[in-house]
């Protein structure tokens, strides 16, 4: 997710500023609303009646998604991780007290100390660190919730890259080399010791954009709920 702390000097660069403005005008607010609304039922089901349900949003960006989920589900308690230093101007902001910088590879939590680890459109930016992040999520979390993208052809890959450019380049976020296929995602989960409990393919993120909604296919986006292979969860794959 894009973040106001990812590149503090972005306002000084006209190219970055222009791309960020395009992103805001096209879809950013609507996109966050759609993703949060889709994520809330997954978190609600995982949380059940727990009063202290501990969650982390890895690659939390501007905290928009975790704040919306926490407002809808007050029994969830969220932390946000990202790669960037928190500017001094935000150090005393109550909204950012849940934020922590991390190294992009290891999750700074004890084993099985969290109930949900969320990766929302973050993993495809991690490139070589993806397997390690998945193993770390299995180590610290009882469940892993993922929103990411599938590529099906060169066309889908390059259109997804173009959208990532608009959404992330201006903030200095690394752009992906490629995206998951269903086969590569399933293989990654197996190698990480995680079982896919739920896989929902299809997210309509761009219906509000008259032209782009015909170019950007819902099946390029998916949600997945994973648990460790040794989990006692009774949910079926």
Protein backbone atom coordinates (compact mmCIF):
# COMPACT_ATOMS: atom_id res chain seq x y z
CA UNK A 1 0.00 0.00 0.00
CA UNK A 2 1.19 3.54 -0.69
CA UNK A 3 2.34 5.52 2.31
CA UNK A 4 2.94 9.15 3.19
CA UNK A 5 6.06 8.10 5.13
CA UNK A 6 7.62 6.02 2.34
CA UNK A 7 9.28 8.97 0.65
CA UNK A 8 9.08 12.11 2.80
CA UNK A 9 10.66 14.28 0.09
CA UNK A 10 8.12 13.28 -2.58
CA UNK A 11 6.62 16.77 -2.64
CA UNK A 12 9.92 18.15 -3.89
CA UNK A 13 9.92 15.98 -7.02
CA UNK A 14 7.44 16.98 -9.71
CA UNK A 15 7.31 13.52 -11.34
CA UNK A 16 6.61 11.76 -8.03
CA UNK A 17 4.09 14.41 -7.03
CA UNK A 18 2.26 14.09 -10.36
CA UNK A 19 2.02 10.28 -10.17
CA UNK A 20 0.81 10.43 -6.57
CA UNK A 21 -1.85 12.98 -7.53
CA UNK A 22 -3.00 10.71 -10.37
CA UNK A 23 -3.27 7.80 -7.96
CA UNK A 24 -5.32 9.82 -5.48
CA UNK A 25 -7.65 11.08 -8.19
CA UNK A 26 -8.17 7.69 -9.82
CA UNK A 27 -8.85 5.26 -7.04
CA UNK A 28 -6.98 5.42 -3.77
CA UNK A 29 -9.83 6.24 -1.37
CA UNK A 30 -12.32 3.98 -3.10
CA UNK A 31 -9.80 1.15 -3.28
CA UNK A 32 -9.07 1.26 0.44
CA UNK A 33 -12.80 1.27 1.20
CA UNK A 34 -13.40 -1.77 -1.03
CA UNK A 35 -10.47 -3.74 0.36
CA UNK A 36 -11.37 -2.97 3.97
CA UNK A 37 -14.99 -4.02 3.42
CA UNK A 38 -13.85 -7.29 1.86
CA UNK A 39 -11.31 -7.98 4.62
CA UNK A 40 -13.64 -7.29 7.55
CA UNK A 41 -15.71 -10.52 7.20
CA UNK A 42 -12.55 -12.66 7.13
CA UNK A 43 -11.20 -11.02 10.27
CA UNK A 44 -14.62 -11.17 11.96
CA UNK A 45 -14.86 -14.91 11.33
CA UNK A 46 -11.34 -15.53 12.56
CA UNK A 47 -11.82 -13.36 15.64
CA UNK A 48 -15.12 -14.85 16.76
CA UNK A 49 -15.89 -13.79 20.34
CA UNK A 50 -12.29 -13.10 21.34
CA UNK A 51 -11.95 -9.85 23.26
CA UNK A 52 -8.24 -9.40 22.65
CA UNK A 53 -7.70 -10.46 19.04
CA UNK A 54 -4.17 -9.45 18.07
CA UNK A 55 -3.43 -8.54 14.47
CA UNK A 56 -0.64 -6.99 12.42
CA UNK A 57 -0.80 -5.36 8.99
CA UNK A 58 2.58 -5.96 7.33
CA UNK A 59 3.24 -3.22 4.78
CA UNK A 60 0.58 -1.06 6.39
CA UNK A 61 1.12 2.06 4.29
CA UNK A 62 -0.90 4.96 5.66
CA UNK A 63 -2.76 2.72 8.18
CA UNK A 64 -6.00 3.25 6.26
CA UNK A 65 -7.03 -0.40 6.06
CA UNK A 66 -6.12 -1.44 9.60
CA UNK A 67 -7.92 1.60 11.02
CA UNK A 68 -11.10 0.78 9.11
CA UNK A 69 -11.03 -2.85 10.25
CA UNK A 70 -10.39 -1.89 13.87
CA UNK A 71 -13.26 0.61 13.81
CA UNK A 72 -15.61 -2.05 12.46
CA UNK A 73 -14.30 -4.74 14.84
CA UNK A 74 -13.42 -3.11 18.19
CA UNK A 75 -12.33 -6.48 19.63
CA UNK A 76 -9.36 -6.49 17.24
CA UNK A 77 -6.13 -4.76 18.21
CA UNK A 78 -3.83 -3.83 15.36
CA UNK A 79 -0.19 -3.01 14.84
CA UNK A 80 1.25 -1.73 11.58
CA UNK A 81 4.66 -2.62 10.16
CA UNK A 82 6.44 -0.97 7.26
CA UNK A 83 9.96 -0.27 6.06
CA UNK A 84 10.18 3.42 6.78
CA UNK A 85 11.14 5.70 9.65
CA UNK A 86 8.26 7.58 11.18
CA UNK A 87 8.72 11.32 10.57
CA UNK A 88 9.10 13.40 13.72
CA UNK A 89 5.94 15.29 12.73
CA UNK A 90 3.92 12.09 13.32
CA UNK A 91 5.71 10.85 16.44
CA UNK A 92 3.03 12.21 18.79
CA UNK A 93 0.07 11.52 16.50
CA UNK A 94 -2.25 9.03 18.28
CA UNK A 95 -3.12 7.39 14.95
CA UNK A 96 0.53 6.36 14.46
CA UNK A 97 1.20 4.94 17.91
CA UNK A 98 0.54 1.45 16.55
CA UNK A 99 3.24 1.81 13.89
CA UNK A 100 6.65 0.12 13.96
CA UNK A 101 9.45 0.06 11.43
CA UNK A 102 10.82 -3.38 10.50
CA UNK A 103 13.56 -4.76 8.27
CA UNK A 104 11.30 -6.24 5.58
CA UNK A 105 12.28 -9.80 6.41
CA UNK A 106 11.71 -10.75 10.06
CA UNK A 107 8.53 -9.98 12.00
CA UNK A 108 9.43 -8.54 15.43
CA UNK A 109 7.08 -10.72 17.49
CA UNK A 110 7.45 -13.87 19.61
CA UNK A 111 6.30 -17.24 18.31
CA UNK A 112 2.51 -17.61 18.04
CA UNK A 113 1.94 -14.24 19.69
CA UNK A 114 -0.52 -12.95 17.06
CA UNK A 115 -3.88 -14.16 15.87
CA UNK A 116 -3.76 -12.74 12.32
CA UNK A 117 -0.91 -11.62 10.08
CA UNK A 118 -2.25 -9.53 7.18
CA UNK A 119 -0.38 -9.02 3.91
CA UNK A 120 -2.54 -6.69 1.81
CA UNK A 121 -1.00 -6.13 -1.65
CA UNK A 122 2.39 -6.30 0.00
CA UNK A 123 3.96 -9.66 -0.86
CA UNK A 124 4.43 -9.00 -4.57
CA UNK A 125 6.62 -6.03 -3.64
CA UNK A 126 8.88 -8.14 -1.42
CA UNK A 127 10.52 -10.07 -4.30
CA UNK A 128 13.25 -12.32 -2.80
CA UNK A 129 11.95 -11.94 0.76
CA UNK A 130 8.55 -13.53 0.09
CA UNK A 131 9.40 -17.08 1.32
CA UNK A 132 10.99 -15.72 4.49
CA UNK A 133 8.02 -13.45 5.21
CA UNK A 134 5.63 -16.36 4.79
CA UNK A 135 7.70 -18.50 7.16
CA UNK A 136 7.78 -15.63 9.64
CA UNK A 137 3.99 -15.23 9.38
CA UNK A 138 3.60 -18.93 10.14
CA UNK A 139 5.92 -18.57 13.12
CA UNK A 140 4.18 -15.61 14.77
CA UNK A 141 0.55 -16.00 13.66
CA UNK A 142 -2.27 -18.45 14.12
CA UNK A 143 -3.70 -17.40 10.75
CA UNK A 144 -2.42 -15.52 7.72
CA UNK A 145 -4.73 -13.32 5.63
CA UNK A 146 -3.54 -12.31 2.17
CA UNK A 147 -4.82 -9.99 -0.52
CA UNK A 148 -2.68 -10.13 -3.64
CA UNK A 149 -2.75 -10.53 -7.41
CA UNK A 150 -2.62 -13.36 -9.93
CA UNK A 151 -1.12 -12.94 -13.38
CA UNK A 152 -2.39 -15.11 -16.22
CA UNK A 153 -0.45 -13.76 -19.19
CA UNK A 154 1.98 -11.06 -20.24
CA UNK A 155 -1.02 -8.75 -20.65
CA UNK A 156 -2.22 -9.15 -17.08
CA UNK A 157 1.35 -8.85 -15.77
CA UNK A 158 2.04 -5.58 -17.54
CA UNK A 159 -1.30 -4.00 -16.74
CA UNK A 160 -0.84 -4.92 -13.07
CA UNK A 161 2.65 -3.42 -13.23
CA UNK A 162 1.23 -0.24 -14.71
CA UNK A 163 -1.28 0.04 -11.85
CA UNK A 164 1.47 -0.63 -9.32
CA UNK A 165 3.53 2.11 -10.93
CA UNK A 166 0.71 4.61 -10.49
CA UNK A 167 0.02 3.49 -6.93
CA UNK A 168 3.54 3.05 -5.60
CA UNK A 169 6.37 4.50 -7.68
CA UNK A 170 5.82 8.04 -6.45
CA UNK A 171 6.27 6.85 -2.86
CA UNK A 172 9.50 4.98 -3.58
CA UNK A 173 7.95 1.54 -3.12
CA UNK A 174 9.74 -1.23 -5.06
CA UNK A 175 7.83 -2.43 -8.12
CA UNK A 176 7.42 -6.19 -8.63
CA UNK A 177 9.14 -8.27 -11.29
CA UNK A 178 6.05 -10.43 -11.66
CA UNK A 179 2.99 -11.64 -9.78
CA UNK A 180 1.76 -14.93 -8.40
CA UNK A 181 0.14 -17.56 -10.54
CA UNK A 182 -2.25 -19.86 -8.75
CA UNK A 183 0.29 -22.67 -9.06
CA UNK A 184 3.19 -20.60 -7.69
CA UNK A 185 1.05 -19.33 -4.80
CA UNK A 186 -0.05 -22.83 -3.83
CA UNK A 187 3.56 -24.03 -4.02
CA UNK A 188 4.72 -21.13 -1.84
CA UNK A 189 2.10 -21.97 0.78
CA UNK A 190 3.14 -25.63 0.88
CA UNK A 191 6.81 -24.77 1.16
CA UNK A 192 6.02 -22.34 3.98
CA UNK A 193 4.12 -24.97 5.96
CA UNK A 194 0.79 -23.21 5.43
CA UNK A 195 -2.54 -24.65 4.31
CA UNK A 196 -4.96 -22.67 2.15
CA UNK A 197 -8.20 -22.75 4.11
CA UNK A 198 -10.02 -20.33 1.82
CA UNK A 199 -9.18 -18.88 -1.58
CA UNK A 200 -11.54 -16.31 -3.08
CA UNK A 201 -10.66 -15.07 -6.55
CA UNK A 202 -12.29 -11.93 -7.90
CA UNK A 203 -12.29 -8.38 -6.57
CA UNK A 204 -14.02 -5.52 -8.39
CA UNK A 205 -11.71 -2.64 -7.50
CA UNK A 206 -12.25 -0.36 -10.47
CA UNK A 207 -15.96 -0.35 -11.34
CA UNK A 208 -16.02 3.38 -10.57
CA UNK A 209 -13.58 4.08 -13.44
CA UNK A 210 -15.49 4.01 -16.77
CA UNK A 211 -12.60 2.92 -19.04
CA UNK A 212 -10.27 1.07 -16.69
CA UNK A 213 -13.02 -1.19 -15.35
CA UNK A 214 -13.04 -2.91 -18.77
CA UNK A 215 -9.27 -3.38 -18.79
CA UNK A 216 -8.64 -4.47 -15.20
CA UNK A 217 -10.15 -7.88 -14.58
CA UNK A 218 -11.59 -8.91 -11.18
CA UNK A 219 -9.95 -12.36 -11.43
CA UNK A 220 -6.52 -10.74 -11.20
CA UNK A 221 -7.13 -10.18 -7.47
CA UNK A 222 -7.61 -12.73 -4.69
CA UNK A 223 -8.00 -13.19 -0.95
CA UNK A 224 -6.62 -16.19 0.92
CA UNK A 225 -6.90 -17.43 4.49
CA UNK A 226 -4.01 -19.68 5.55
CA UNK A 227 -3.22 -21.61 8.70
CA UNK A 228 -0.17 -23.66 9.69
CA UNK A 229 -0.20 -27.27 8.53
CA UNK A 230 -0.32 -28.47 12.10
CA UNK A 231 -3.24 -26.17 12.96
CA UNK A 232 -6.23 -27.80 14.58
CA UNK A 233 -8.59 -25.64 12.55
CA UNK A 234 -11.59 -27.57 11.34
CA UNK A 235 -12.07 -25.47 8.22
CA UNK A 236 -11.73 -27.36 4.97
CA UNK A 237 -9.54 -26.28 2.11
